[in-house]
Protein backbone atom coordinates (compact mmCIF):
# COMPACT_ATOMS: atom_id res chain seq x y z
CA MET A 1 13.37 5.90 -17.35
CA GLU A 2 12.34 4.95 -13.83
CA GLU A 3 8.70 4.77 -12.88
CA LYS A 4 6.76 3.88 -9.77
CA VAL A 5 4.77 0.68 -10.25
CA ILE A 6 2.50 -1.56 -8.25
CA LEU A 7 3.03 -5.32 -8.34
CA SER A 8 0.31 -7.66 -7.16
CA ALA A 9 1.37 -11.18 -6.21
CA LEU A 10 -0.54 -14.27 -5.13
CA ALA A 11 1.40 -16.78 -3.05
CA ASN A 12 0.75 -19.82 -0.92
CA ASN A 13 -0.12 -18.75 2.60
CA HIS A 14 2.82 -20.42 4.39
CA PRO A 15 5.19 -19.19 7.09
CA GLY A 16 8.28 -17.53 5.61
CA VAL A 17 6.82 -16.60 2.20
CA LEU A 18 6.90 -12.87 2.90
CA LEU A 19 10.50 -13.16 4.12
CA ARG A 20 11.53 -14.93 0.91
CA ILE A 21 9.86 -12.25 -1.22
CA THR A 22 11.46 -9.35 0.65
CA GLY A 23 14.79 -11.22 0.60
CA LEU A 24 14.61 -11.39 -3.19
CA PHE A 25 14.29 -7.60 -3.36
CA ASN A 26 17.19 -7.22 -0.92
CA ARG A 27 19.50 -9.59 -2.83
CA ARG A 28 18.77 -7.81 -6.13
CA GLY A 29 19.27 -4.36 -4.61
CA PHE A 30 15.72 -3.14 -5.26
CA ASN A 31 13.87 -0.97 -2.79
CA ILE A 32 10.30 -1.71 -1.70
CA GLU A 33 8.50 1.61 -1.26
CA SER A 34 5.49 -0.02 0.38
CA LEU A 35 4.28 -3.55 0.99
CA THR A 36 0.93 -4.83 2.16
CA ALA A 37 0.14 -8.50 2.64
CA CYS A 38 -3.00 -10.34 3.68
CA THR A 39 -4.90 -13.58 3.36
CA THR A 40 -7.28 -13.58 0.38
CA GLU A 41 -10.79 -14.94 0.06
CA ASP A 42 -9.02 -18.33 -0.05
CA PRO A 43 -7.26 -18.92 3.31
CA LYS A 44 -4.56 -20.95 1.52
CA THR A 45 -3.51 -17.89 -0.52
CA SER A 46 -1.88 -14.58 0.43
CA ARG A 47 -1.94 -11.43 -1.66
CA MET A 48 0.93 -8.97 -1.62
CA THR A 49 0.80 -5.47 -3.05
CA ILE A 50 4.31 -4.13 -3.61
CA ALA A 51 5.10 -0.57 -4.68
CA MET A 52 8.55 -0.12 -6.19
CA THR A 53 10.46 2.19 -8.50
CA GLY A 54 12.54 0.97 -11.43
CA ASP A 55 12.98 1.03 -15.17
CA ARG A 56 11.14 -1.46 -17.43
CA SER A 57 14.07 -3.88 -17.40
CA GLN A 58 14.30 -3.89 -13.60
CA ILE A 59 10.56 -4.33 -13.21
CA ARG A 60 10.54 -7.23 -15.67
CA GLN A 61 13.50 -8.80 -13.81
CA VAL A 62 11.76 -8.55 -10.43
CA MET A 63 8.56 -10.05 -11.82
CA CYS A 64 10.46 -12.98 -13.39
CA GLN A 65 12.45 -13.55 -10.20
CA LEU A 66 9.27 -13.50 -8.09
CA MET A 67 7.74 -16.18 -10.33
CA LYS A 68 10.78 -18.39 -9.72
CA LEU A 69 9.96 -18.53 -6.00
CA GLU A 70 8.29 -21.83 -5.19
CA ASP A 71 5.32 -20.41 -3.27
CA VAL A 72 4.52 -17.55 -5.67
CA LYS A 73 1.57 -18.44 -7.94
CA LYS A 74 1.05 -15.27 -9.98
CA VAL A 75 2.46 -11.76 -10.37
CA SER A 76 0.74 -8.87 -12.15
CA LEU A 77 1.81 -5.33 -12.92
CA LEU A 78 -0.92 -2.86 -11.97
CA THR A 79 -0.63 0.63 -13.41
CA LYS A 80 -2.33 3.44 -11.53
CA GLU A 81 -4.76 3.72 -14.46
CA ASP A 82 -5.61 -0.02 -14.40
CA ALA A 83 -5.99 -0.36 -10.63
CA SER A 84 -8.13 0.86 -7.80
CA HIS A 85 -5.73 1.66 -5.00
CA SER A 86 -5.91 3.08 -1.52
CA GLU A 87 -3.96 3.59 1.70
CA LEU A 88 -4.98 3.73 5.34
CA LEU A 89 -3.65 6.36 7.74
CA LEU A 90 -4.06 6.44 11.50
CA VAL A 91 -2.67 9.59 13.10
CA LYS A 92 -2.87 10.85 16.67
CA ILE A 93 -2.30 14.59 17.03
CA ARG A 94 -1.91 16.74 20.14
CA VAL A 95 -4.44 19.58 20.39
CA ASP A 96 -5.43 22.16 22.97
CA ASN A 97 -9.12 22.82 23.59
CA GLY A 98 -8.94 25.96 21.43
CA GLN A 99 -7.50 23.97 18.50
CA ARG A 100 -9.89 21.02 18.61
CA SER A 101 -12.52 22.54 16.30
CA ASP A 102 -9.98 23.46 13.60
CA ALA A 103 -8.35 20.01 13.71
CA LEU A 104 -11.75 18.31 13.40
CA HIS A 105 -12.64 20.61 10.48
CA ILE A 106 -9.42 19.63 8.66
CA ALA A 107 -10.11 15.93 9.22
CA TYR A 108 -13.72 16.14 8.03
CA ARG A 109 -12.74 18.24 4.98
CA HIS A 110 -10.50 15.32 3.93
CA GLY A 111 -13.23 12.73 4.48
CA ALA A 112 -11.49 11.30 7.55
CA ARG A 113 -13.14 9.68 10.56
CA ILE A 114 -12.47 10.52 14.18
CA LEU A 115 -11.64 7.37 16.14
CA ASP A 116 -10.89 8.92 19.52
CA ILE A 117 -11.00 12.30 21.22
CA SER A 118 -9.28 12.57 24.58
CA HIS A 119 -8.22 15.48 26.77
CA HIS A 120 -5.15 16.37 24.72
CA THR A 121 -5.27 14.26 21.55
CA ILE A 122 -7.43 13.36 18.57
CA THR A 123 -6.97 10.08 16.67
CA ILE A 124 -7.92 10.31 13.00
CA GLU A 125 -8.47 7.55 10.43
CA ALA A 126 -8.28 8.32 6.72
CA THR A 127 -8.31 6.20 3.58
CA GLY A 128 -7.56 7.33 0.07
CA GLN A 129 -4.98 7.53 -2.65
CA SER A 130 -1.40 8.37 -1.66
CA GLY A 131 -1.71 12.02 -2.71
CA GLN A 132 -4.86 12.49 -0.60
CA ILE A 133 -3.14 10.98 2.44
CA ASP A 134 -0.08 13.19 1.87
CA GLU A 135 -2.32 16.26 1.64
CA LEU A 136 -4.08 15.45 4.93
CA ILE A 137 -0.75 14.96 6.70
CA GLN A 138 0.47 18.29 5.25
CA ASN A 139 -2.65 20.10 6.49
CA LEU A 140 -2.24 18.62 9.98
CA GLN A 141 1.40 19.72 10.27
CA LYS A 142 0.56 22.58 12.64
CA TYR A 143 -0.34 19.98 15.28
CA PRO A 144 2.32 17.84 16.93
CA VAL A 145 2.01 14.21 15.81
CA VAL A 146 2.02 11.86 18.79
CA GLU A 147 1.83 8.68 16.70
CA MET A 148 1.26 7.79 13.07
CA ALA A 149 0.82 4.53 11.14
CA ARG A 150 0.35 4.27 7.38
CA THR A 151 -0.31 1.06 5.45
CA GLY A 152 1.12 1.78 2.03
CA ILE A 153 -0.69 1.06 -1.22
CA THR A 154 -3.22 -1.74 -1.52
CA ALA A 155 -4.60 -2.28 -5.01
CA LEU A 156 -6.94 -4.39 -7.11
CA GLU A 157 -7.33 -4.54 -10.89
CA ARG A 158 -10.17 -2.34 -12.18
CA GLY A 159 -13.11 -3.83 -14.06
CA ASP A 160 -14.40 -7.38 -14.08
CA GLY A 161 -10.98 -9.08 -14.22
CA SER A 162 -8.83 -10.23 -11.34
CA ILE A 163 -5.33 -11.57 -10.81
CA SER A 164 -6.91 -15.04 -10.59
CA ASP A 165 -8.02 -14.72 -14.23
CA HIS A 166 -4.43 -14.47 -15.50
CA ASP A 167 -1.95 -17.32 -16.00
CA GLY A 168 1.45 -16.73 -14.42
CA THR A 169 3.04 -13.34 -14.93
CA SER A 170 1.54 -10.30 -16.60
CA ARG A 171 4.61 -8.53 -17.91
CA PRO A 172 4.99 -4.80 -18.48
CA GLY A 173 4.72 -3.88 -22.13
CA ALA A 174 3.40 -7.34 -23.05
């Protein structure tokens, strides 16, 4: 049975590491649904949050293959129950003066911030779980979207633990 999972990986912060990780997915025929990468609190380390869909065997295979990459230090499986996760959305919509109030009401109802209001557009910033972001986009559909950027899932383990506390790979079902 396929399931959507979130992998968290720590890797050395070197040029080409992200390319090698995405190349591994490509060579194995796995799709990355979203990918975020950034430098961690340690500038020598990058953190990647990868959302993918697969069965347990495929997920285990990807995790083992990631650990074989020279620059990858650790890989953890984060379930939605075990992780705090969020996405960022920036969307610029076209509005007429008569529509401005309704568009602002929709944004505020979803906890979004207004970054810019111009003569014909409003730029909105929202953060939240994927479903919340999807719902905001759905509610803004009556306005033409001029531009939109969405980060994909970023996640951290819930509680006091962190990926740094674990040795190597945390395997699904282990």
